[in-house]
Amino acid sequence: MVLGLLLARGGVEVTVLEKHADFLRDFRGDTVHASTLTLMDELGLGPAFEQVPHQDVTKLEALLDGGAKATIADLTRLPGPNKRIAMVPQWDFLDLLADAGRLEPSFTLRMNTEVTGITKSGNRVTGVKYRDLVDGHEGEIAADLVVAADGRGSILRDAVDLPIYRFGAPMDVWWFRLPRNESDPVAGGGGRFSAGSGMVLIPRGEYFQCAFLIRKGTDQKLRAEGVEKFRERVVTLIPWLADRVDHIKSIDDAKLLDVKLDRLRRWHVDGLLCIGDAAHAMSPVGGVGINLAVQDAVAAAALLAKPLREGRVTSATLAKVRRRRLFPTVVIQTLQRVIHRLFLGRKLNSTETVSSTGVPVALKLAQRLPFLQAIPAYVIAIGPRPEHAPEFARRKPQTIVRS
């Protein structure tokens, strides 16, 4: 959606295809990072964004034994005006971008339109095949460029069989919700890790979006233990949630995220480009997947708008997008792999009890020297190479009339 909006503002004819009738999907990534907030300001969408329901997170904390807390990242130490991560329902954010796109004459959004494959001429991708989910009609759309922004399970990526590095992950995640009270000891995002499991709390107004970490491949085994055992595990990790775990009515309330960490060795073929999770599936560590995907989109728009207008997009042109975005992708994925191997993997495979888990040295040091908390804040909320809106896409601050 970001790429479609930016290209349309650059005078390119764009069609965005969305499979569903709306964007209402639960437990999607809802973090809008500082660099994306800056992008919204550059696009003139800052005032409209502030009208969207959201909660600001300014600190990321670790929950320690005995109820104590330690700050991992202090976002108030970030440079620039946006010193926060905004927690926004992704459907509201997508609606905002779609409404902004509709103001551009060259922007088209087609809902209820499922992409089923690609069309080719020789070795070049020339468009997509689709199915209208309202009337069942099947058709084709020709395009000078097809962009696969369809996530880690991308059918477009699979259709062109791009080579991929797979790094694996030590955990999967169960997503669920629990009520949140203003008196709760966690104001920002908080995490607790122990033997065999871990849990992250993301504040979302009246509830926490909870990420319960389990060892990779143990989903069915843990589900077989039943909901009471699951509630017990939650309370063992975070005792002050005991007064509300009965809101977990069934083990089915926990929605599985199959964690993947991979990266395409090449992000394009002639006529098709992959961005976001379709190019590099990220671990949920740091919640940076959306931030990287948005920055991919900004870089792609800046590099491709003029060649698309002039009808001269080549494989060499598409390769520039990967070259631009490879460094931040590798840096973040390398950090995630280190955290997987040296921390999460050890915790999830440990037999220590909660009370016997120690505090990492780096975390202790960050409490003694608070300025160090700016480093993880920058890596998470801004990233190694933040992208800025190209001049052709910038607008003065405006209010968008929501559809």
Protein backbone atom coordinates (compact mmCIF):
# COMPACT_ATOMS: atom_id res chain seq x y z
CA MET A 1 0.00 0.00 0.00
CA VAL A 2 2.88 2.38 0.79
CA LEU A 3 4.57 1.58 -2.51
CA GLY A 4 1.30 2.04 -4.41
CA LEU A 5 0.68 5.43 -2.81
CA LEU A 6 4.21 6.69 -3.48
CA LEU A 7 4.31 5.49 -7.09
CA ALA A 8 0.89 7.04 -7.77
CA ARG A 9 2.16 10.34 -6.41
CA GLY A 10 5.07 9.91 -8.81
CA GLY A 11 2.68 9.72 -11.78
CA VAL A 12 2.77 5.94 -12.23
CA GLU A 13 -0.40 3.96 -12.98
CA VAL A 14 -0.74 1.57 -10.04
CA THR A 15 -3.19 -1.21 -9.18
CA VAL A 16 -3.05 -2.70 -5.68
CA LEU A 17 -4.74 -6.09 -5.28
CA GLU A 18 -6.12 -7.23 -1.91
CA LYS A 19 -7.61 -10.67 -1.46
CA HIS A 20 -10.12 -9.79 1.25
CA ALA A 21 -13.11 -7.45 1.39
CA ASP A 22 -11.44 -5.42 4.16
CA PHE A 23 -8.22 -5.31 6.16
CA LEU A 24 -9.68 -6.73 9.38
CA ARG A 25 -7.20 -9.45 10.29
CA ASP A 26 -6.26 -10.02 13.94
CA PHE A 27 -2.73 -10.43 15.29
CA ARG A 28 -1.03 -8.82 12.35
CA GLY A 29 1.98 -6.66 13.09
CA ASP A 30 0.63 -3.38 14.44
CA THR A 31 3.83 -1.50 15.20
CA VAL A 32 4.38 1.79 13.38
CA HIS A 33 7.96 2.72 14.12
CA ALA A 34 9.59 6.12 14.46
CA SER A 35 10.98 6.04 10.91
CA THR A 36 7.51 5.27 9.53
CA LEU A 37 6.01 8.09 11.61
CA THR A 38 8.59 10.41 10.05
CA LEU A 39 7.57 9.12 6.64
CA MET A 40 3.92 9.93 7.43
CA ASP A 41 4.97 13.49 8.28
CA GLU A 42 6.90 13.78 5.01
CA LEU A 43 3.88 12.54 3.06
CA GLY A 44 1.65 15.10 4.76
CA LEU A 45 -0.26 12.34 6.56
CA GLY A 46 0.88 13.15 10.10
CA PRO A 47 -2.38 14.90 11.11
CA ALA A 48 -4.48 12.09 9.61
CA PHE A 49 -2.40 9.49 11.41
CA GLU A 50 -2.95 11.19 14.76
CA GLN A 51 -6.70 10.75 14.24
CA VAL A 52 -6.28 6.97 14.03
CA PRO A 53 -6.71 5.19 17.40
CA HIS A 54 -3.27 4.29 18.70
CA GLN A 55 -1.12 3.91 21.80
CA ASP A 56 2.40 5.29 22.02
CA VAL A 57 5.20 3.15 23.42
CA THR A 58 8.27 5.02 24.63
CA LYS A 59 10.04 2.26 26.57
CA LEU A 60 10.66 -1.45 26.10
CA GLU A 61 11.17 -3.26 29.38
CA ALA A 62 12.21 -6.63 30.75
CA LEU A 63 10.22 -8.05 33.67
CA LEU A 64 12.55 -9.44 36.32
CA ASP A 65 12.14 -11.75 39.30
CA GLY A 66 10.15 -10.27 42.16
CA GLY A 67 8.24 -7.88 39.88
CA ALA A 68 11.16 -5.55 39.17
CA LYS A 69 11.65 -4.01 35.73
CA ALA A 70 14.66 -3.10 33.62
CA THR A 71 14.59 -0.81 30.60
CA ILE A 72 15.89 -2.39 27.41
CA ALA A 73 15.23 0.53 25.04
CA ASP A 74 14.33 4.14 25.84
CA LEU A 75 12.77 5.68 22.75
CA THR A 76 12.69 9.16 24.28
CA ARG A 77 16.43 9.23 23.55
CA LEU A 78 15.87 8.94 19.78
CA PRO A 79 16.89 11.80 17.49
CA GLY A 80 14.18 13.73 15.66
CA PRO A 81 10.59 14.60 16.58
CA ASN A 82 9.21 11.04 16.67
CA LYS A 83 10.47 9.42 19.85
CA ARG A 84 8.02 6.54 20.03
CA ILE A 85 6.54 3.47 18.45
CA ALA A 86 2.82 3.77 17.77
CA MET A 87 0.66 0.69 18.26
CA VAL A 88 -2.02 0.97 15.60
CA PRO A 89 -4.54 -1.61 14.39
CA GLN A 90 -3.09 -2.49 11.01
CA TRP A 91 -6.51 -2.31 9.35
CA ASP A 92 -6.84 1.36 10.41
CA PHE A 93 -3.36 2.16 9.12
CA LEU A 94 -4.06 0.43 5.80
CA ASP A 95 -7.40 2.26 5.49
CA LEU A 96 -5.56 5.56 6.00
CA LEU A 97 -3.06 4.74 3.26
CA ALA A 98 -5.82 3.53 0.95
CA ASP A 99 -7.80 6.74 1.44
CA ALA A 100 -4.68 8.78 0.67
CA GLY A 101 -4.09 6.65 -2.43
CA ARG A 102 -7.62 7.23 -3.69
CA LEU A 103 -6.86 10.95 -3.93
CA GLU A 104 -4.37 10.13 -6.69
CA PRO A 105 -5.90 9.71 -10.18
CA SER A 106 -3.44 6.95 -11.12
CA PHE A 107 -4.12 4.80 -8.03
CA THR A 108 -6.54 1.85 -8.11
CA LEU A 109 -7.31 -0.49 -5.21
CA ARG A 110 -9.15 -3.72 -6.00
CA MET A 111 -10.53 -5.57 -2.99
CA ASN A 112 -11.83 -9.16 -3.07
CA THR A 113 -9.21 -9.86 -5.72
CA GLU A 114 -7.01 -12.90 -5.14
CA VAL A 115 -3.80 -13.22 -7.14
CA THR A 116 -3.53 -16.81 -8.34
CA GLY A 117 -0.41 -16.70 -10.50
CA ILE A 118 1.67 -14.80 -13.02
CA THR A 119 1.62 -14.33 -16.78
CA LYS A 120 4.85 -14.51 -18.76
CA SER A 121 6.26 -13.81 -22.18
CA GLY A 122 9.38 -15.89 -22.56
CA ASN A 123 11.35 -15.35 -19.36
CA ARG A 124 9.71 -12.02 -18.52
CA VAL A 125 6.81 -11.64 -16.06
CA THR A 126 4.13 -9.59 -17.80
CA GLY A 127 1.32 -9.49 -15.24
CA VAL A 128 -0.81 -11.51 -12.85
CA LYS A 129 -3.72 -13.89 -12.94
CA TYR A 130 -6.50 -13.20 -10.49
CA ARG A 131 -9.85 -14.44 -9.20
CA ASP A 132 -12.66 -12.09 -8.15
CA LEU A 133 -13.93 -13.57 -4.89
CA VAL A 134 -17.35 -11.93 -5.22
CA ASP A 135 -18.46 -13.33 -8.58
CA GLY A 136 -15.76 -15.96 -9.19
CA HIS A 137 -14.57 -14.26 -12.38
CA GLU A 138 -10.99 -15.10 -13.37
CA GLY A 139 -8.85 -12.79 -15.42
CA GLU A 140 -5.44 -11.29 -16.04
CA ILE A 141 -3.90 -7.87 -15.48
CA ALA A 142 -0.96 -6.84 -17.62
CA ALA A 143 1.81 -4.84 -15.95
CA ASP A 144 5.23 -3.41 -16.75
CA LEU A 145 6.19 -4.49 -13.24
CA VAL A 146 4.64 -6.89 -10.72
CA VAL A 147 5.61 -6.31 -7.09
CA ALA A 148 5.26 -9.25 -4.71
CA ALA A 149 4.29 -7.75 -1.35
CA ASP A 150 2.30 -10.82 -0.35
CA GLY A 151 4.29 -11.85 2.69
CA ARG A 152 6.37 -14.80 3.85
CA GLY A 153 4.08 -17.25 2.06
CA SER A 154 4.28 -15.34 -1.22
CA ILE A 155 2.76 -17.23 -4.12
CA LEU A 156 4.35 -14.78 -6.55
CA ARG A 157 7.80 -15.51 -5.17
CA ASP A 158 7.13 -19.24 -5.40
CA ALA A 159 5.92 -18.84 -8.99
CA VAL A 160 9.34 -17.62 -10.13
CA ASP A 161 11.36 -19.94 -7.87
CA LEU A 162 13.85 -17.43 -6.53
CA PRO A 163 16.78 -18.89 -4.55
CA ILE A 164 16.57 -18.35 -0.79
CA TYR A 165 18.68 -18.53 2.36
CA ARG A 166 16.80 -20.16 5.26
CA PHE A 167 18.23 -19.47 8.72
CA GLY A 168 15.69 -21.22 10.92
CA ALA A 169 14.40 -20.07 14.31
CA PRO A 170 14.32 -21.67 17.78
CA MET A 171 10.75 -20.64 18.55
CA ASP A 172 7.19 -20.21 17.41
CA VAL A 173 4.73 -17.73 18.90
CA TRP A 174 1.20 -18.00 20.27
CA TRP A 175 -0.75 -14.75 19.93
CA PHE A 176 -3.66 -14.01 22.26
CA ARG A 177 -5.24 -11.19 24.25
CA LEU A 178 -5.66 -10.41 27.93
CA PRO A 179 -7.38 -7.42 29.57
CA ARG A 180 -5.16 -4.50 30.55
CA ASN A 181 -5.58 -2.24 33.58
CA GLU A 182 -4.14 1.25 33.99
CA SER A 183 -2.57 0.12 37.27
CA ASP A 184 -0.58 -2.68 35.61
CA PRO A 185 3.19 -2.46 36.20
CA VAL A 186 3.96 -2.44 32.47
CA ALA A 187 3.36 0.93 30.83
CA GLY A 188 5.22 0.27 27.57
CA GLY A 189 6.11 -3.03 25.95
CA GLY A 190 7.43 -5.65 28.37
CA GLY A 191 8.93 -9.12 28.11
CA ARG A 192 9.59 -12.04 30.49
CA PHE A 193 11.70 -15.07 29.57
CA SER A 194 12.27 -18.34 31.38
CA ALA A 195 12.95 -22.04 30.89
CA GLY A 196 11.02 -23.38 27.92
CA SER A 197 8.95 -20.27 27.25
CA GLY A 198 8.82 -16.49 27.18
CA MET A 199 6.17 -13.84 26.89
CA VAL A 200 5.93 -10.30 25.53
CA LEU A 201 3.15 -7.87 26.45
CA ILE A 202 2.20 -5.19 23.94
CA PRO A 203 -0.19 -2.52 25.34
CA ARG A 204 -3.24 -1.99 23.13
CA GLY A 205 -5.60 0.31 25.01
CA GLU A 206 -7.89 -1.88 27.09
CA TYR A 207 -5.99 -5.10 26.38
CA PHE A 208 -2.52 -6.56 26.00
CA GLN A 209 -1.60 -8.25 22.75
CA CYS A 210 0.39 -11.16 24.15
CA ALA A 211 3.13 -13.09 22.41
CA PHE A 212 3.87 -16.40 24.17
CA LEU A 213 7.09 -17.96 22.91
CA ILE A 214 7.38 -21.74 22.66
CA ARG A 215 10.11 -24.06 21.37
CA LYS A 216 9.96 -24.59 17.64
CA GLY A 217 7.73 -27.48 16.67
CA THR A 218 6.06 -27.97 20.09
CA ASP A 219 2.71 -26.40 19.19
CA GLN A 220 0.68 -29.63 19.05
CA LYS A 221 2.30 -31.08 22.16
CA LEU A 222 1.56 -27.98 24.25
CA ARG A 223 -1.99 -27.70 22.93
CA ALA A 224 -2.61 -31.29 24.00
CA GLU A 225 -1.85 -30.27 27.61
CA GLY A 226 -5.01 -28.12 27.60
CA VAL A 227 -6.01 -24.60 28.52
CA GLU A 228 -5.48 -24.95 32.29
CA LYS A 229 -1.83 -25.84 31.81
CA PHE A 230 -1.44 -22.90 29.45
CA ARG A 231 -2.95 -20.51 32.00
CA GLU A 232 -0.55 -21.92 34.59
CA ARG A 233 2.43 -21.26 32.31
CA VAL A 234 1.30 -17.65 31.78
CA VAL A 235 0.94 -17.01 35.52
CA THR A 236 4.29 -18.66 36.26
CA LEU A 237 5.95 -16.22 33.89
CA ILE A 238 3.99 -13.11 34.93
CA PRO A 239 2.24 -13.67 38.28
CA TRP A 240 0.24 -10.42 38.26
CA LEU A 241 -1.77 -11.74 35.30
CA ALA A 242 -3.38 -14.36 37.58
CA ASP A 243 -6.52 -12.25 38.02
CA ARG A 244 -7.36 -12.38 34.30
CA VAL A 245 -6.02 -15.59 32.74
CA ASP A 246 -9.54 -17.02 32.85
CA HIS A 247 -10.20 -14.79 29.83
CA ILE A 248 -8.31 -17.48 27.91
CA LYS A 249 -11.40 -19.61 27.35
CA SER A 250 -9.84 -22.23 25.11
CA ILE A 251 -6.45 -23.29 23.88
CA ASP A 252 -7.76 -22.25 20.47
CA ASP A 253 -7.59 -18.63 21.66
CA ALA A 254 -3.83 -18.93 21.08
CA LYS A 255 -3.12 -18.31 17.38
CA LEU A 256 0.10 -19.84 16.09
CA LEU A 257 2.73 -17.80 14.28
CA ASP A 258 5.16 -20.13 12.53
CA VAL A 259 8.33 -18.06 12.95
CA LYS A 260 10.57 -17.92 9.90
CA LEU A 261 13.82 -16.13 9.21
CA ASP A 262 14.94 -16.17 5.60
CA ARG A 263 16.18 -13.94 2.79
CA LEU A 264 16.07 -14.21 -0.98
CA ARG A 265 19.47 -14.37 -2.63
CA ARG A 266 17.98 -12.38 -5.50
CA TRP A 267 14.86 -10.22 -5.07
CA HIS A 268 13.77 -10.03 -8.69
CA VAL A 269 13.35 -11.63 -12.05
CA ASP A 270 12.65 -9.70 -15.24
CA GLY A 271 9.27 -8.01 -14.65
CA LEU A 272 8.84 -8.96 -10.96
CA LEU A 273 10.25 -7.58 -7.69
CA CYS A 274 9.84 -8.92 -4.13
CA ILE A 275 9.81 -6.59 -1.12
CA GLY A 276 9.01 -6.92 2.58
CA ASP A 277 8.46 -10.40 3.98
CA ALA A 278 8.27 -11.78 0.45
CA ALA A 279 11.96 -10.85 0.10
CA HIS A 280 13.07 -11.37 3.71
CA ALA A 281 10.88 -12.96 6.37
CA MET A 282 11.85 -11.49 9.73
CA SER A 283 11.73 -12.93 13.23
CA PRO A 284 9.27 -11.13 15.55
CA VAL A 285 12.26 -10.11 17.70
CA GLY A 286 12.07 -6.31 17.92
CA GLY A 287 8.87 -6.18 15.88
CA VAL A 288 10.82 -4.70 12.97
CA GLY A 289 9.26 -6.56 10.02
CA ILE A 290 6.79 -3.84 9.07
CA ASN A 291 9.40 -1.12 9.49
CA LEU A 292 11.77 -2.87 7.06
CA ALA A 293 8.96 -3.57 4.59
CA VAL A 294 7.86 0.07 4.56
CA GLN A 295 11.44 1.19 4.00
CA ASP A 296 11.76 -1.32 1.13
CA ALA A 297 8.68 0.30 -0.40
CA VAL A 298 10.07 3.83 -0.06
CA ALA A 299 13.40 2.84 -1.61
CA ALA A 300 11.63 1.01 -4.45
CA ALA A 301 9.42 4.02 -5.20
CA ALA A 302 12.38 6.39 -5.28
CA LEU A 303 14.35 4.13 -7.61
CA LEU A 304 11.53 2.95 -9.89
CA ALA A 305 9.07 5.83 -10.39
CA LYS A 306 10.95 7.53 -13.24
CA PRO A 307 11.88 4.30 -15.08
CA LEU A 308 8.24 3.12 -14.78
CA ARG A 309 6.92 6.40 -16.20
CA GLU A 310 9.35 6.09 -19.08
CA GLY A 311 8.66 2.38 -19.65
CA ARG A 312 12.27 1.28 -19.21
CA VAL A 313 12.38 -0.91 -16.13
CA THR A 314 15.06 -3.55 -16.62
CA SER A 315 16.47 -6.29 -14.44
CA ALA A 316 19.40 -3.98 -13.72
CA THR A 317 16.96 -1.36 -12.45
CA LEU A 318 15.24 -3.86 -10.15
CA ALA A 319 18.58 -5.07 -8.81
CA LYS A 320 19.20 -1.57 -7.45
CA VAL A 321 16.39 -2.04 -4.93
CA ARG A 322 18.06 -5.08 -3.39
CA ARG A 323 21.44 -3.35 -3.36
CA ARG A 324 19.90 -0.39 -1.55
CA ARG A 325 18.07 -2.47 1.05
CA LEU A 326 20.43 -5.42 1.53
CA PHE A 327 22.64 -3.79 4.18
CA PRO A 328 19.86 -2.97 6.71
CA THR A 329 18.24 -6.35 6.07
CA VAL A 330 21.45 -8.28 6.74
CA VAL A 331 22.25 -6.19 9.83
CA ILE A 332 18.84 -6.74 11.42
CA GLN A 333 18.66 -10.42 10.51
CA THR A 334 22.16 -10.98 11.87
CA LEU A 335 21.18 -9.36 15.17
CA GLN A 336 18.05 -11.50 15.28
CA ARG A 337 20.08 -14.66 14.62
CA VAL A 338 22.47 -13.74 17.44
CA ILE A 339 19.55 -13.18 19.84
CA HIS A 340 18.02 -16.48 18.71
CA ARG A 341 21.25 -18.40 19.30
CA LEU A 342 22.66 -16.76 22.42
CA PHE A 343 19.50 -15.88 24.31
CA LEU A 344 16.15 -17.21 23.12
CA GLY A 345 17.42 -20.59 22.01
CA ARG A 346 19.14 -21.12 25.34
CA LYS A 347 16.13 -19.98 27.36
CA LEU A 348 13.65 -22.09 25.44
CA ASN A 349 15.83 -25.17 25.74
CA SER A 350 16.76 -24.57 29.38
CA THR A 351 15.46 -26.50 32.40
CA GLU A 352 16.08 -23.69 34.89
CA THR A 353 13.20 -22.36 36.91
CA VAL A 354 11.92 -18.80 36.61
CA SER A 355 13.49 -17.73 39.88
CA SER A 356 16.92 -19.01 38.90
CA THR A 357 17.21 -17.10 35.66
CA GLY A 358 19.81 -14.37 35.78
CA VAL A 359 19.85 -10.87 34.36
CA PRO A 360 22.06 -10.54 31.25
CA VAL A 361 25.19 -8.48 31.75
CA ALA A 362 24.25 -6.10 28.91
CA LEU A 363 20.91 -5.38 30.58
CA LYS A 364 22.60 -4.68 33.92
CA LEU A 365 25.02 -2.33 32.20
CA ALA A 366 22.18 -0.47 30.46
CA GLN A 367 20.58 0.23 33.85
CA ARG A 368 23.82 1.69 35.19
CA LEU A 369 24.48 3.70 32.02
CA PRO A 370 21.03 4.71 30.74
CA PHE A 371 22.39 6.40 27.62
CA LEU A 372 23.10 2.89 26.29
CA GLN A 373 19.34 2.36 26.08
CA ALA A 374 19.36 4.62 23.02
CA ILE A 375 21.22 1.98 20.97
CA PRO A 376 18.51 -0.73 20.89
CA ALA A 377 15.92 2.05 20.63
CA TYR A 378 17.54 3.31 17.43
CA VAL A 379 18.03 -0.15 15.92
CA ILE A 380 14.39 -1.11 16.60
CA ALA A 381 12.55 2.15 15.94
CA ILE A 382 14.61 3.66 13.12
CA GLY A 383 16.98 1.03 11.76
CA PRO A 384 20.40 0.98 10.09
CA ARG A 385 19.32 2.83 6.91
CA PRO A 386 16.10 4.81 7.29
CA GLU A 387 14.48 5.83 4.02
CA HIS A 388 12.83 9.19 3.42
CA ALA A 389 10.00 10.09 1.06
CA PRO A 390 11.18 11.18 -2.39
CA GLU A 391 10.41 14.80 -3.22
CA PHE A 392 7.71 13.86 -5.73
CA ALA A 393 5.68 12.13 -3.00
CA ARG A 394 5.88 14.84 -0.34
CA ARG A 395 2.87 16.95 0.54
CA LYS A 396 1.95 19.64 3.02
CA PRO A 397 0.14 18.36 6.14
CA GLN A 398 -3.38 17.32 5.21
CA THR A 399 -6.41 15.72 6.77
CA ILE A 400 -7.73 12.67 4.95
CA VAL A 401 -11.48 12.10 4.82
CA ARG A 402 -11.84 8.46 5.88
CA SER A 403 -13.99 6.29 3.61
